[in-house]
Amino acid sequence: MKRFIALYFLYLLILFTLFYADTSLLSKLVNEEQTKLTVFFLKMFLAPGQLQGIDIWINPHYKIIINQACNGLVPILFLFASIFAYPSTLLHKIYWMMIGYTVFTLVNVFRILLVVYFVEQKAGRENFYWSHDLMGNLLLMAVGLGLFITFIKTSSLSLSKRA
């Protein structure tokens, strides 16, 4: 367990430095592409004209901005660090990272749509805190935990230890 925790924090540091922090062209490119993908999926569900660039207009005076912090990359990197740190085969890790990336990208779009819906109900900021910070983050944590538990339960190394 100590090894897992140490590796987890090491991988978090590496992943966030390489892919999230504004430390390199790679991190900027990854975040821009993830934001573009998120915006692409959001376009399918938002009202015409509501999405302008990376801005989702709730009303003429209030908008939600889809930037680096909202593109879904943070929970993806947390899951990837967990997967890297856990003892399993490389193929199993790659498989679950692909599943996790896909699921988190779609769940993040759903999360943003929920925030937009609830903020529109009050025509302003009143619902933003609980729909974004509480419900949205709870959704992302629950999905991440579910993915990681499923990854562990399907790991051939953990299955062979039980036998």
Protein backbone atom coordinates (compact mmCIF):
# COMPACT_ATOMS: atom_id res chain seq x y z
CA MET A 1 0.00 0.00 0.00
CA LYS A 2 2.85 2.40 0.80
CA ARG A 3 4.37 1.66 -2.60
CA PHE A 4 1.06 2.39 -4.34
CA ILE A 5 0.64 5.72 -2.52
CA ALA A 6 4.22 6.81 -3.25
CA LEU A 7 3.91 5.86 -6.92
CA TYR A 8 0.49 7.50 -7.15
CA PHE A 9 1.84 10.88 -6.02
CA LEU A 10 4.90 10.52 -8.23
CA TYR A 11 2.73 9.78 -11.28
CA LEU A 12 0.41 12.66 -10.38
CA LEU A 13 3.37 15.01 -10.33
CA ILE A 14 4.68 13.70 -13.66
CA LEU A 15 1.30 13.69 -15.42
CA PHE A 16 0.28 17.15 -14.23
CA THR A 17 3.69 18.57 -15.13
CA LEU A 18 3.67 17.03 -18.60
CA PHE A 19 0.01 17.39 -19.56
CA TYR A 20 -1.66 20.06 -17.44
CA ALA A 21 0.66 22.75 -16.08
CA ASP A 22 1.69 25.43 -18.55
CA THR A 23 5.20 24.01 -18.63
CA SER A 24 5.55 23.00 -22.25
CA LEU A 25 4.06 23.10 -25.70
CA LEU A 26 2.85 19.54 -25.12
CA SER A 27 0.71 20.52 -22.12
CA LYS A 28 -0.73 23.50 -23.97
CA LEU A 29 -1.51 21.35 -27.01
CA VAL A 30 -3.12 18.58 -24.94
CA ASN A 31 -5.33 21.08 -23.08
CA GLU A 32 -6.32 22.92 -26.25
CA GLU A 33 -7.27 19.66 -27.97
CA GLN A 34 -9.20 18.42 -24.92
CA THR A 35 -11.07 21.72 -24.77
CA LYS A 36 -11.86 21.50 -28.49
CA LEU A 37 -13.20 17.95 -28.02
CA THR A 38 -15.37 19.06 -25.11
CA VAL A 39 -16.73 22.01 -27.12
CA PHE A 40 -17.38 19.69 -30.09
CA PHE A 41 -19.64 17.47 -27.97
CA LEU A 42 -21.30 20.43 -26.23
CA LYS A 43 -22.33 21.89 -29.62
CA MET A 44 -24.58 18.87 -30.15
CA PHE A 45 -26.69 19.66 -27.10
CA LEU A 46 -26.70 23.43 -26.57
CA ALA A 47 -29.11 25.84 -28.20
CA PRO A 48 -27.95 27.43 -31.46
CA GLY A 49 -25.75 30.42 -30.71
CA GLN A 50 -25.46 29.56 -27.02
CA LEU A 51 -21.92 28.27 -27.48
CA GLN A 52 -19.56 30.91 -28.85
CA GLY A 53 -15.97 29.72 -28.96
CA ILE A 54 -15.34 28.40 -25.45
CA ASP A 55 -18.13 30.50 -23.88
CA ILE A 56 -21.56 29.12 -23.03
CA TRP A 57 -23.97 32.03 -22.71
CA ILE A 58 -26.62 31.49 -20.05
CA ASN A 59 -28.11 34.94 -20.58
CA PRO A 60 -26.78 38.18 -22.08
CA HIS A 61 -25.03 38.99 -18.79
CA TYR A 62 -23.69 35.61 -17.67
CA LYS A 63 -21.54 33.01 -19.35
CA ILE A 64 -19.68 29.84 -18.41
CA ILE A 65 -16.19 29.52 -19.89
CA ILE A 66 -14.89 26.10 -20.89
CA ASN A 67 -11.19 26.45 -20.24
CA GLN A 68 -8.37 24.26 -19.03
CA ALA A 69 -9.99 23.71 -15.63
CA CYS A 70 -13.30 22.57 -17.18
CA ASN A 71 -12.14 20.40 -20.06
CA GLY A 72 -12.17 17.17 -18.02
CA LEU A 73 -8.43 16.58 -18.07
CA VAL A 74 -7.94 16.84 -14.29
CA PRO A 75 -10.02 13.76 -13.33
CA ILE A 76 -8.52 11.88 -16.28
CA LEU A 77 -5.01 12.51 -14.96
CA PHE A 78 -6.01 11.46 -11.44
CA LEU A 79 -7.37 8.18 -12.83
CA PHE A 80 -4.29 7.64 -14.99
CA ALA A 81 -2.00 8.15 -11.98
CA SER A 82 -3.99 5.54 -10.04
CA ILE A 83 -3.83 3.09 -12.92
CA PHE A 84 -0.09 3.61 -13.42
CA ALA A 85 0.59 3.12 -9.70
CA TYR A 86 -1.43 -0.08 -9.37
CA PRO A 87 0.34 -3.37 -10.15
CA SER A 88 -1.21 -4.73 -13.33
CA THR A 89 -0.19 -5.68 -16.85
CA LEU A 90 0.64 -2.90 -19.30
CA LEU A 91 -2.09 -4.04 -21.70
CA HIS A 92 -4.70 -3.94 -18.93
CA LYS A 93 -3.55 -0.45 -17.94
CA ILE A 94 -3.73 0.85 -21.51
CA TYR A 95 -7.19 -0.71 -21.98
CA TRP A 96 -8.55 0.94 -18.83
CA MET A 97 -6.90 4.26 -19.59
CA MET A 98 -8.69 4.30 -22.96
CA ILE A 99 -11.99 3.41 -21.28
CA GLY A 100 -11.40 6.00 -18.55
CA TYR A 101 -10.52 8.73 -21.04
CA THR A 102 -13.66 8.06 -23.09
CA VAL A 103 -15.96 7.81 -20.08
CA PHE A 104 -14.55 10.91 -18.38
CA THR A 105 -14.75 12.97 -21.57
CA LEU A 106 -18.44 12.08 -21.99
CA VAL A 107 -19.27 12.45 -18.29
CA ASN A 108 -17.58 15.85 -18.25
CA VAL A 109 -19.76 17.01 -21.14
CA PHE A 110 -22.82 15.73 -19.24
CA ARG A 111 -21.58 17.55 -16.10
CA ILE A 112 -21.26 20.84 -18.00
CA LEU A 113 -24.72 20.40 -19.49
CA LEU A 114 -26.13 19.81 -15.99
CA VAL A 115 -24.46 23.00 -14.75
CA VAL A 116 -25.85 24.95 -17.70
CA TYR A 117 -29.34 23.54 -17.09
CA PHE A 118 -29.39 24.35 -13.37
CA VAL A 119 -27.85 27.80 -13.82
CA GLU A 120 -30.44 28.60 -16.51
CA GLN A 121 -33.21 27.74 -14.05
CA LYS A 122 -32.25 30.71 -11.89
CA ALA A 123 -31.13 32.83 -14.84
CA GLY A 124 -27.91 33.63 -13.07
CA ARG A 125 -25.24 32.44 -10.69
CA GLU A 126 -27.36 31.20 -7.79
CA ASN A 127 -27.21 27.55 -8.82
CA PHE A 128 -23.63 27.57 -10.10
CA TYR A 129 -21.90 26.70 -6.84
CA TRP A 130 -23.93 23.65 -5.94
CA SER A 131 -24.35 22.37 -9.50
CA HIS A 132 -20.67 22.84 -10.44
CA ASP A 133 -18.66 22.55 -7.25
CA LEU A 134 -20.82 20.07 -5.37
CA MET A 135 -22.87 17.95 -7.80
CA GLY A 136 -20.39 18.16 -10.68
CA ASN A 137 -17.36 17.24 -8.61
CA LEU A 138 -19.28 14.50 -6.79
CA LEU A 139 -20.24 13.04 -10.17
CA LEU A 140 -16.63 13.08 -11.37
CA MET A 141 -15.34 11.52 -8.13
CA ALA A 142 -17.97 8.77 -8.18
CA VAL A 143 -17.23 7.92 -11.81
CA GLY A 144 -13.47 7.93 -11.17
CA LEU A 145 -13.83 5.69 -8.13
CA GLY A 146 -16.11 3.34 -10.03
CA LEU A 147 -13.68 3.13 -12.93
CA PHE A 148 -10.70 2.49 -10.65
CA ILE A 149 -12.52 -0.18 -8.62
CA THR A 150 -13.57 -1.91 -11.84
CA PHE A 151 -9.99 -1.67 -13.13
CA ILE A 152 -8.72 -3.33 -9.93
CA LYS A 153 -11.39 -6.04 -9.98
CA THR A 154 -10.59 -6.92 -13.60
CA SER A 155 -6.82 -6.84 -13.18
CA SER A 156 -5.28 -10.23 -13.91
CA LEU A 157 -2.59 -9.63 -11.28
CA SER A 158 -5.15 -8.99 -8.56
CA LEU A 159 -7.23 -11.96 -9.75
CA SER A 160 -4.21 -14.26 -9.60
CA LYS A 161 -3.42 -13.09 -6.04
CA ARG A 162 -6.92 -14.12 -4.91
CA ALA A 163 -6.65 -17.63 -6.37
